[in-house]
Protein backbone atom coordinates (compact mmCIF):
# COMPACT_ATOMS: atom_id res chain seq x y z
CA MET A 1 20.75 -10.54 -9.44
CA ARG A 2 23.53 -9.99 -11.95
CA LYS A 3 24.74 -6.50 -12.73
CA GLY A 4 23.11 -6.68 -16.19
CA GLY A 5 19.82 -7.69 -14.59
CA VAL A 6 19.96 -4.73 -12.21
CA VAL A 7 20.71 -2.35 -15.07
CA SER A 8 17.84 -3.82 -17.10
CA MET A 9 15.50 -3.45 -14.12
CA VAL A 10 16.52 0.20 -13.60
CA LEU A 11 16.04 0.96 -17.30
CA LEU A 12 12.62 -0.72 -17.28
CA CYS A 13 11.52 1.29 -14.24
CA ALA A 14 12.81 4.50 -15.82
CA ALA A 15 10.94 3.73 -19.05
CA LEU A 16 7.71 3.15 -17.11
CA VAL A 17 8.09 6.43 -15.21
CA VAL A 18 8.89 8.42 -18.35
CA SER A 19 6.10 6.90 -20.42
CA GLY A 20 3.43 7.70 -17.82
CA CYS A 21 -0.16 6.71 -18.30
CA ALA A 22 -1.63 6.27 -21.74
CA LYS A 23 -3.91 9.10 -22.78
CA LYS A 24 -7.45 8.34 -23.76
CA GLU A 25 -8.43 9.30 -27.26
CA VAL A 26 -11.32 11.72 -27.45
CA VAL A 27 -13.96 10.57 -29.87
CA LYS A 28 -16.46 13.14 -31.04
CA THR A 29 -19.88 11.95 -31.97
CA GLU A 30 -21.93 13.83 -34.47
CA GLU A 31 -25.20 15.22 -33.30
CA PRO A 32 -28.18 14.31 -35.44
CA LEU A 33 -29.28 17.13 -37.73
CA ALA A 34 -32.49 18.93 -36.96
CA PRO A 35 -35.38 18.16 -39.29
CA THR A 36 -35.42 20.35 -42.40
CA THR A 37 -39.07 21.35 -42.07
CA PRO A 38 -39.57 25.08 -41.65
CA PRO A 39 -40.35 26.17 -38.12
CA ALA A 40 -43.89 26.98 -37.23
CA ALA A 41 -44.78 30.30 -35.71
CA ALA A 42 -42.02 31.37 -33.41
CA LYS A 43 -42.88 31.29 -29.75
CA PRO A 44 -41.74 34.14 -27.56
CA VAL A 45 -38.67 33.17 -25.57
CA GLU A 46 -39.13 33.45 -21.85
CA PRO A 47 -36.10 34.24 -19.77
CA GLU A 48 -34.91 31.27 -17.73
CA THR A 49 -35.42 31.55 -14.05
CA LYS A 50 -32.77 29.97 -11.91
CA PRO A 51 -33.91 28.14 -8.84
CA VAL A 52 -32.93 29.83 -5.62
CA ILE A 53 -30.61 27.61 -3.64
CA LYS A 54 -30.79 28.17 0.03
CA GLU A 55 -27.47 27.32 1.63
CA GLU A 56 -27.37 26.30 5.22
CA PRO A 57 -24.17 26.08 7.23
CA VAL A 58 -22.88 22.58 7.81
CA ARG A 59 -23.24 21.57 11.40
CA GLU A 60 -20.48 19.61 13.03
CA GLN A 61 -21.49 16.14 14.00
CA PRO A 62 -19.83 14.60 17.04
CA ILE A 63 -17.76 11.55 16.19
CA LYS A 64 -18.71 8.54 18.21
CA GLU A 65 -15.91 6.11 18.86
CA ALA A 66 -16.18 2.78 20.52
CA ALA A 67 -14.29 2.52 23.78
CA VAL A 68 -11.05 0.62 23.50
CA LYS A 69 -11.06 -2.45 25.69
CA GLU A 70 -7.90 -3.01 27.64
CA GLU A 71 -7.10 -6.68 27.82
CA PRO A 72 -5.18 -8.28 30.63
CA ALA A 73 -1.44 -8.84 30.14
CA ALA A 74 -2.01 -12.61 29.80
CA ALA A 75 -3.84 -12.07 26.48
CA GLN A 76 -2.10 -12.21 23.09
CA PRO A 77 0.88 -9.88 22.72
CA MET A 78 0.04 -6.50 21.21
CA ALA A 79 2.41 -7.01 18.25
CA GLU A 80 0.63 -10.14 17.05
CA LEU A 81 -2.71 -8.37 17.15
CA ALA A 82 -1.63 -5.08 15.64
CA LEU A 83 1.23 -5.61 13.19
CA ALA A 84 0.57 -8.05 10.38
CA PRO A 85 3.39 -9.57 8.31
CA VAL A 86 3.62 -8.73 4.61
CA TYR A 87 4.47 -11.23 1.88
CA PHE A 88 6.53 -10.91 -1.28
CA ASP A 89 6.66 -12.59 -4.67
CA PHE A 90 9.51 -14.96 -5.54
CA ASP A 91 12.86 -13.18 -5.89
CA ALA A 92 11.23 -9.78 -5.27
CA TYR A 93 11.13 -7.00 -2.72
CA VAL A 94 8.70 -4.74 -4.57
CA LEU A 95 5.54 -3.84 -2.65
CA THR A 96 2.29 -4.97 -4.23
CA GLN A 97 -0.98 -3.14 -3.61
CA THR A 98 -1.99 -5.81 -1.08
CA THR A 99 1.33 -5.39 0.72
CA ARG A 100 0.92 -1.60 0.79
CA ASP A 101 -2.59 -1.95 2.22
CA ILE A 102 -1.30 -4.12 5.08
CA LEU A 103 1.64 -1.78 5.70
CA TYR A 104 -0.76 1.17 5.80
CA LYS A 105 -2.78 -0.52 8.55
CA ASN A 106 0.46 -1.24 10.41
CA ALA A 107 1.40 2.43 10.03
CA GLU A 108 -1.94 3.54 11.48
CA TRP A 109 -1.28 1.41 14.56
CA LEU A 110 2.30 2.65 14.88
CA LEU A 111 1.16 6.28 14.64
CA LYS A 112 -1.33 5.68 17.47
CA ASN A 113 1.44 4.03 19.53
CA ARG A 114 4.30 6.47 18.93
CA THR A 115 6.50 5.20 21.76
CA VAL A 116 6.72 1.71 20.29
CA LYS A 117 10.00 0.72 18.63
CA VAL A 118 9.72 -1.98 15.97
CA GLN A 119 12.25 -4.19 14.25
CA ILE A 120 11.32 -5.21 10.70
CA GLU A 121 12.62 -8.69 9.90
CA GLY A 122 13.24 -9.69 6.29
CA HIS A 123 12.83 -13.39 5.44
CA CYS A 124 13.27 -15.55 2.34
CA ASP A 125 12.48 -19.06 1.20
CA GLU A 126 15.21 -21.70 1.03
CA ARG A 127 15.97 -21.26 -2.65
CA GLY A 128 19.10 -19.25 -3.51
CA SER A 129 22.46 -18.97 -1.77
CA ASP A 130 22.77 -17.88 1.85
CA GLU A 131 24.43 -14.60 0.82
CA TYR A 132 21.76 -13.85 -1.79
CA ASN A 133 18.91 -14.58 0.63
CA MET A 134 20.48 -12.41 3.36
CA ALA A 135 20.69 -9.51 0.88
CA LEU A 136 17.13 -10.10 -0.39
CA GLY A 137 15.79 -10.28 3.18
CA GLU A 138 17.45 -6.94 3.92
CA LYS A 139 15.89 -5.39 0.79
CA ARG A 140 12.45 -6.66 1.84
CA ALA A 141 12.81 -5.21 5.33
CA LYS A 142 14.06 -1.86 3.99
CA SER A 143 11.27 -1.75 1.42
CA ALA A 144 8.71 -2.07 4.23
CA LEU A 145 10.58 0.48 6.37
CA ASN A 146 10.72 3.02 3.52
CA TYR A 147 6.97 2.73 2.95
CA LEU A 148 6.20 3.20 6.66
CA VAL A 149 8.43 6.28 6.82
CA THR A 150 6.78 7.64 3.66
CA VAL A 151 3.34 7.50 5.30
CA GLY A 152 4.56 9.24 8.46
CA VAL A 153 5.98 6.68 10.89
CA PRO A 154 9.10 8.19 12.53
CA ALA A 155 12.24 6.50 11.16
CA GLU A 156 13.84 6.49 14.62
CA ASN A 157 11.12 4.05 15.77
CA LEU A 158 12.05 1.49 13.11
CA SER A 159 15.03 -0.78 12.49
CA THR A 160 15.67 -3.66 10.10
CA ILE A 161 17.37 -7.03 10.19
CA SER A 162 17.62 -9.84 7.66
CA TYR A 163 17.33 -13.48 8.58
CA GLY A 164 17.44 -14.70 5.00
CA GLU A 165 16.26 -18.30 5.02
CA GLU A 166 17.28 -18.95 8.66
CA LYS A 167 13.83 -18.65 10.28
CA PRO A 168 11.19 -20.17 7.99
CA ALA A 169 7.54 -19.71 8.95
CA ASP A 170 6.79 -23.05 7.27
CA PRO A 171 9.48 -25.77 7.12
CA GLY A 172 7.96 -27.37 4.02
CA HIS A 173 9.71 -27.68 0.65
CA GLU A 174 6.90 -26.76 -1.76
CA ASP A 175 5.44 -23.59 -3.27
CA ALA A 176 2.85 -23.07 -0.50
CA ALA A 177 5.54 -23.21 2.21
CA TRP A 178 7.92 -20.99 0.26
CA ALA A 179 5.20 -18.36 -0.20
CA LYS A 180 4.77 -18.14 3.60
CA ASN A 181 8.52 -17.75 4.08
CA ARG A 182 8.93 -14.77 1.69
CA ARG A 183 7.91 -12.10 4.18
CA ALA A 184 8.69 -9.15 6.40
CA GLU A 185 7.59 -9.46 10.02
CA PHE A 186 7.30 -6.79 12.69
CA THR A 187 8.63 -7.34 16.21
CA ILE A 188 8.13 -4.83 19.00
CA ILE A 189 11.47 -4.28 20.69
CA SER A 190 10.38 -1.60 23.19
CA ARG A 191 7.25 0.25 24.23
């Protein structure tokens, strides 16, 4: 991205943060007027009786969890089962809600497996120069890392690397292939 584009992007983000959410306008509705007929004989007003609420202490319920099945070592590697890749829009490293949801599930797994060290790999499609794609891949990997750290994954368990366009998931040269290549993948490097 050119320097002017970066400045524009920063200003746009700052404007969005400063502006905040739009406030809803409160619309008052007028209550219909009571009929103008004179009241009949006034009835005696009885004091309101409040219902008696009987509070009972909340009892703790035991949480039932399904037993975790341990699979033999010949089964699929743990990383492929537990850590899903996340995908990015063209020329972007911003996390979408879908991306954040996947990263949150990855974080849950990483927090249950605290001894696991993971390398986050940033990838790009073939469009753009090699230097640009290496930088974009690094930004994608760091974006994923920052989110994981924000939700509690220890930073010392994570590292990043950029492969740019060097390791495509799909070797095709069309939009569908490029969409699969714009990603961050998670590789377990030690347990």
